[in-house]
């Protein structure tokens, strides 16, 4: 049973409507309630366009809610407060800045002294495999290295919650598997809490402690699954060979509202 002190983020009846009050009103998110526990990685999966990113933006305080509330710790999130870090699909590194200067960017914007911000950045860079690349420019890095820099930039200002918005979708399959393990390990080592949105069921199972399945738009919670068999395993390849992985994958696939009747008949015939 989750204790109140163990919950770092709470969404209660969150609702988002675009063009509210007009004849083109679109309800994107409908009455979503969920908790994120301390030290947990929670994955959100759902059909394309169901409202996952909209929910993310509301949690980050980037768009307003039309109903319900989102709280991080003791704060109600009604604007970007700094309690939530956002790692996007694209790394958005500044090409003219070095690795260390990209990692310190958010700290500079907050007005932290240069010596202090560089100390934080150097510790992250050396701890997580980019020692020797401190002065390299993004153009000289692989896609996986760039995403690692983006994660370090997010971790540098010590947010309570990290939002991962399909951060590996642009990477090749092998790099994606390696980064899934790396990011999971780093988040656990830093004792952070994270929410991951992904279209990849395997990625969700490989990284998350719990998986929330969302319906088609307007997004609501359809099912919640505990990924109990993962325990402390972070190797995405090992996880995918576990018998329980296959069972859970099939269960979540059956819950996603993404297959029309024509596709069902084609799959059945095959």
Protein backbone atom coordinates (compact mmCIF):
# COMPACT_ATOMS: atom_id res chain seq x y z
CA UNK A 1 0.00 0.00 0.00
CA UNK A 2 1.38 3.41 -1.02
CA UNK A 3 1.94 5.83 1.82
CA UNK A 4 1.09 9.53 1.21
CA UNK A 5 4.74 10.47 1.78
CA UNK A 6 5.80 8.08 -1.00
CA UNK A 7 3.83 9.95 -3.68
CA UNK A 8 5.86 12.65 -5.45
CA UNK A 9 3.31 13.51 -8.15
CA UNK A 10 -0.45 13.25 -8.06
CA UNK A 11 -2.90 13.95 -10.90
CA UNK A 12 -6.52 14.15 -9.78
CA UNK A 13 -9.26 14.30 -12.41
CA UNK A 14 -6.98 16.07 -14.90
CA UNK A 15 -8.89 17.33 -17.94
CA UNK A 16 -7.64 19.27 -20.98
CA UNK A 17 -9.86 20.81 -23.64
CA UNK A 18 -8.65 22.69 -26.70
CA UNK A 19 -10.73 25.57 -28.11
CA UNK A 20 -12.99 25.41 -25.06
CA UNK A 21 -16.39 27.01 -25.59
CA UNK A 22 -16.16 27.05 -29.39
CA UNK A 23 -17.88 24.89 -32.01
CA UNK A 24 -14.51 23.17 -32.62
CA UNK A 25 -13.91 22.16 -29.01
CA UNK A 26 -11.70 19.08 -28.64
CA UNK A 27 -11.44 17.19 -25.37
CA UNK A 28 -7.92 15.73 -25.31
CA UNK A 29 -7.67 14.39 -21.75
CA UNK A 30 -10.65 13.34 -19.65
CA UNK A 31 -10.51 12.97 -15.87
CA UNK A 32 -7.16 11.22 -15.51
CA UNK A 33 -6.05 10.35 -11.98
CA UNK A 34 -2.69 8.73 -11.26
CA UNK A 35 0.11 8.78 -8.72
CA UNK A 36 3.86 8.62 -9.23
CA UNK A 37 5.73 7.07 -6.32
CA UNK A 38 9.15 8.10 -5.10
CA UNK A 39 11.90 6.30 -7.05
CA UNK A 40 9.41 4.89 -9.57
CA UNK A 41 9.42 4.92 -13.37
CA UNK A 42 5.84 5.05 -14.66
CA UNK A 43 5.16 4.48 -18.37
CA UNK A 44 2.15 5.80 -20.31
CA UNK A 45 1.20 3.92 -23.47
CA UNK A 46 -1.73 4.52 -25.74
CA UNK A 47 -2.82 4.90 -29.36
CA UNK A 48 -1.16 7.58 -31.47
CA UNK A 49 -2.87 10.94 -30.92
CA UNK A 50 -4.66 9.83 -27.76
CA UNK A 51 -3.38 12.74 -25.66
CA UNK A 52 -0.19 11.43 -24.03
CA UNK A 53 1.90 14.49 -24.87
CA UNK A 54 -0.96 16.80 -23.92
CA UNK A 55 -1.07 15.15 -20.49
CA UNK A 56 2.70 15.57 -20.24
CA UNK A 57 2.49 19.25 -21.05
CA UNK A 58 -0.19 19.71 -18.38
CA UNK A 59 1.94 17.88 -15.80
CA UNK A 60 4.89 20.14 -16.68
CA UNK A 61 2.71 23.23 -16.25
CA UNK A 62 3.11 24.23 -19.91
CA UNK A 63 -0.62 24.21 -20.69
CA UNK A 64 -3.58 24.83 -18.36
CA UNK A 65 -6.05 22.26 -17.11
CA UNK A 66 -9.77 22.75 -17.64
CA UNK A 67 -10.51 20.47 -14.72
CA UNK A 68 -8.80 18.64 -11.88
CA UNK A 69 -5.31 19.36 -10.61
CA UNK A 70 -1.72 18.16 -10.72
CA UNK A 71 0.52 18.38 -7.67
CA UNK A 72 4.26 17.75 -7.35
CA UNK A 73 5.08 17.39 -3.69
CA UNK A 74 3.32 20.21 -1.88
CA UNK A 75 3.02 22.39 -4.98
CA UNK A 76 0.09 22.62 -7.35
CA UNK A 77 1.44 22.74 -10.90
CA UNK A 78 -0.29 25.58 -12.70
CA UNK A 79 2.85 26.88 -14.38
CA UNK A 80 6.40 25.65 -15.05
CA UNK A 81 7.84 25.67 -11.52
CA UNK A 82 11.14 23.83 -11.93
CA UNK A 83 9.94 20.80 -9.97
CA UNK A 84 9.60 18.87 -13.23
CA UNK A 85 12.35 18.21 -15.79
CA UNK A 86 11.38 17.51 -19.40
CA UNK A 87 13.45 15.33 -21.78
CA UNK A 88 12.06 15.59 -25.30
CA UNK A 89 12.10 13.39 -28.41
CA UNK A 90 14.82 15.65 -29.87
CA UNK A 91 17.85 16.45 -27.74
CA UNK A 92 17.71 20.18 -28.67
CA UNK A 93 21.39 20.65 -27.82
CA UNK A 94 22.79 24.03 -28.88
CA UNK A 95 25.28 23.21 -31.68
CA UNK A 96 27.68 26.04 -30.85
CA UNK A 97 28.05 25.01 -27.21
CA UNK A 98 30.26 22.23 -25.89
CA UNK A 99 28.94 19.21 -23.97
CA UNK A 100 29.66 20.81 -20.61
CA UNK A 101 28.14 24.13 -21.68
CA UNK A 102 24.98 22.36 -22.84
CA UNK A 103 24.70 20.53 -19.51
CA UNK A 104 25.07 23.78 -17.55
CA UNK A 105 22.60 25.75 -19.69
CA UNK A 106 19.62 25.47 -17.34
CA UNK A 107 21.75 26.29 -14.32
CA UNK A 108 23.09 29.41 -16.05
CA UNK A 109 19.54 30.55 -16.80
CA UNK A 110 18.78 30.15 -13.10
CA UNK A 111 21.73 32.37 -12.25
CA UNK A 112 23.99 29.78 -10.62
CA UNK A 113 27.65 30.73 -10.36
CA UNK A 114 29.72 29.33 -13.24
CA UNK A 115 32.12 27.41 -10.98
CA UNK A 116 29.22 25.70 -9.20
CA UNK A 117 27.35 24.81 -12.40
CA UNK A 118 30.49 23.40 -14.03
CA UNK A 119 31.17 21.29 -10.95
CA UNK A 120 27.70 19.72 -11.16
CA UNK A 121 28.08 19.15 -14.90
CA UNK A 122 31.55 17.60 -14.63
CA UNK A 123 30.33 15.16 -11.99
CA UNK A 124 27.45 14.01 -14.21
CA UNK A 125 29.62 13.80 -17.35
CA UNK A 126 32.29 11.70 -15.67
CA UNK A 127 29.82 9.51 -13.81
CA UNK A 128 27.79 8.63 -16.88
CA UNK A 129 30.31 7.81 -19.55
CA UNK A 130 31.21 11.01 -21.38
CA UNK A 131 34.52 11.83 -19.70
CA UNK A 132 36.87 13.17 -22.34
CA UNK A 133 34.03 14.73 -24.36
CA UNK A 134 33.50 17.76 -22.10
CA UNK A 135 34.58 20.25 -24.78
CA UNK A 136 33.15 18.36 -27.77
CA UNK A 137 30.40 19.93 -29.85
CA UNK A 138 27.12 18.04 -30.45
CA UNK A 139 27.96 17.49 -34.13
CA UNK A 140 30.82 15.23 -33.06
CA UNK A 141 28.63 12.97 -30.90
CA UNK A 142 26.54 9.93 -31.75
CA UNK A 143 22.78 10.04 -31.30
CA UNK A 144 23.00 8.03 -28.09
CA UNK A 145 25.67 10.33 -26.66
CA UNK A 146 23.59 13.39 -27.51
CA UNK A 147 20.59 11.95 -25.66
CA UNK A 148 22.81 11.21 -22.68
CA UNK A 149 23.87 14.88 -22.66
CA UNK A 150 20.20 15.89 -22.80
CA UNK A 151 19.48 13.70 -19.78
CA UNK A 152 22.41 15.19 -17.86
CA UNK A 153 21.12 18.68 -18.66
CA UNK A 154 17.76 17.65 -17.17
CA UNK A 155 19.35 16.08 -14.09
CA UNK A 156 21.67 19.05 -13.47
CA UNK A 157 18.99 21.26 -11.93
CA UNK A 158 17.79 18.42 -9.68
CA UNK A 159 14.06 18.18 -10.54
CA UNK A 160 11.74 16.10 -8.38
CA UNK A 161 10.17 14.44 -11.43
CA UNK A 162 11.59 13.72 -14.90
CA UNK A 163 9.27 13.50 -17.89
CA UNK A 164 10.61 11.39 -20.76
CA UNK A 165 8.74 12.13 -23.99
CA UNK A 166 9.70 9.29 -26.37
CA UNK A 167 13.40 10.17 -25.93
CA UNK A 168 14.69 7.22 -27.96
CA UNK A 169 12.32 7.28 -30.93
CA UNK A 170 14.89 8.75 -33.34
CA UNK A 171 17.60 6.20 -32.51
CA UNK A 172 18.39 2.89 -34.20
CA UNK A 173 17.20 -0.26 -32.44
CA UNK A 174 20.53 -1.29 -30.91
CA UNK A 175 21.26 2.19 -29.56
CA UNK A 176 17.70 2.39 -28.25
CA UNK A 177 18.15 -0.79 -26.21
CA UNK A 178 21.43 0.44 -24.75
CA UNK A 179 19.96 3.84 -23.86
CA UNK A 180 16.90 2.27 -22.24
CA UNK A 181 19.22 0.41 -19.86
CA UNK A 182 21.46 3.46 -19.30
CA UNK A 183 18.64 5.89 -18.60
CA UNK A 184 16.85 3.44 -16.29
CA UNK A 185 20.06 2.90 -14.33
CA UNK A 186 20.87 6.62 -14.13
CA UNK A 187 17.38 7.55 -12.92
CA UNK A 188 17.51 4.84 -10.26
CA UNK A 189 21.02 5.85 -9.16
CA UNK A 190 19.96 9.48 -8.89
CA UNK A 191 16.89 8.38 -6.88
CA UNK A 192 14.58 10.27 -9.20
CA UNK A 193 11.00 9.59 -10.22
CA UNK A 194 10.08 9.56 -13.90
CA UNK A 195 7.16 9.30 -16.28
CA UNK A 196 7.85 7.86 -19.73
CA UNK A 197 5.54 8.13 -22.70
CA UNK A 198 6.18 5.75 -25.56
CA UNK A 199 4.49 3.94 -28.44
CA UNK A 200 6.84 1.00 -27.86
CA UNK A 201 5.27 -1.57 -25.51
CA UNK A 202 8.62 -3.35 -25.19
CA UNK A 203 10.31 -0.14 -24.13
CA UNK A 204 7.65 0.46 -21.48
CA UNK A 205 8.07 -3.05 -20.07
CA UNK A 206 11.87 -2.79 -20.18
CA UNK A 207 12.03 0.50 -18.28
CA UNK A 208 8.95 0.95 -16.12
CA UNK A 209 7.89 -0.26 -12.70
CA UNK A 210 4.24 0.36 -13.65
CA UNK A 211 2.52 0.84 -17.00
CA UNK A 212 -0.65 2.90 -17.50
CA UNK A 213 -2.62 2.09 -20.66
CA UNK A 214 -4.63 5.00 -22.04
CA UNK A 215 -7.69 4.91 -24.29
CA UNK A 216 -8.21 6.71 -27.56
CA UNK A 217 -8.87 10.47 -27.30
CA UNK A 218 -10.12 11.78 -25.01
CA UNK A 219 -7.49 9.91 -23.01
CA UNK A 220 -8.65 8.09 -19.89
CA UNK A 221 -6.97 5.35 -17.89
CA UNK A 222 -7.94 1.93 -19.26
CA UNK A 223 -5.60 -0.36 -17.30
CA UNK A 224 -2.60 -0.30 -14.95
CA UNK A 225 0.04 -3.05 -14.83
CA UNK A 226 2.79 -3.65 -12.28
CA UNK A 227 5.99 -4.92 -13.92
CA UNK A 228 6.93 -7.11 -10.98
CA UNK A 229 9.21 -9.56 -12.78
CA UNK A 230 11.78 -6.86 -13.67
CA UNK A 231 12.97 -6.39 -10.04
CA UNK A 232 16.39 -4.67 -10.37
CA UNK A 233 17.09 -5.88 -13.92
CA UNK A 234 17.86 -3.04 -16.37
CA UNK A 235 19.26 -4.98 -19.35
CA UNK A 236 16.61 -4.57 -22.05
CA UNK A 237 17.71 -7.74 -23.86
CA UNK A 238 17.50 -9.92 -20.75
CA UNK A 239 14.11 -8.48 -19.87
CA UNK A 240 12.73 -9.27 -23.33
CA UNK A 241 13.66 -12.96 -23.00
CA UNK A 242 11.66 -13.40 -19.78
CA UNK A 243 8.44 -15.45 -20.23
CA UNK A 244 6.46 -12.85 -18.28
CA UNK A 245 7.57 -10.17 -20.76
CA UNK A 246 5.75 -11.98 -23.56
CA UNK A 247 2.60 -12.39 -21.50
CA UNK A 248 2.51 -8.73 -20.46
CA UNK A 249 3.28 -7.54 -23.99
CA UNK A 250 0.31 -9.52 -25.35
CA UNK A 251 -1.96 -8.24 -22.58
CA UNK A 252 -1.13 -4.57 -23.22
CA UNK A 253 -1.38 -5.04 -26.99
CA UNK A 254 -4.89 -6.43 -26.56
CA UNK A 255 -5.86 -3.35 -24.52
CA UNK A 256 -4.68 -0.77 -27.04
CA UNK A 257 -7.46 0.53 -29.28
CA UNK A 258 -5.36 0.73 -32.43
CA UNK A 259 -6.45 -2.13 -34.69
CA UNK A 260 -9.39 -1.60 -37.04
CA UNK A 261 -11.52 -4.53 -38.19
CA UNK A 262 -9.78 -4.82 -41.58
CA UNK A 263 -6.42 -5.22 -39.87
CA UNK A 264 -7.89 -7.76 -37.43
CA UNK A 265 -9.13 -9.92 -40.33
CA UNK A 266 -5.74 -9.67 -42.10
CA UNK A 267 -3.86 -10.67 -38.97
CA UNK A 268 -6.27 -13.56 -38.32
CA UNK A 269 -5.92 -14.79 -41.91
CA UNK A 270 -2.13 -14.70 -41.66
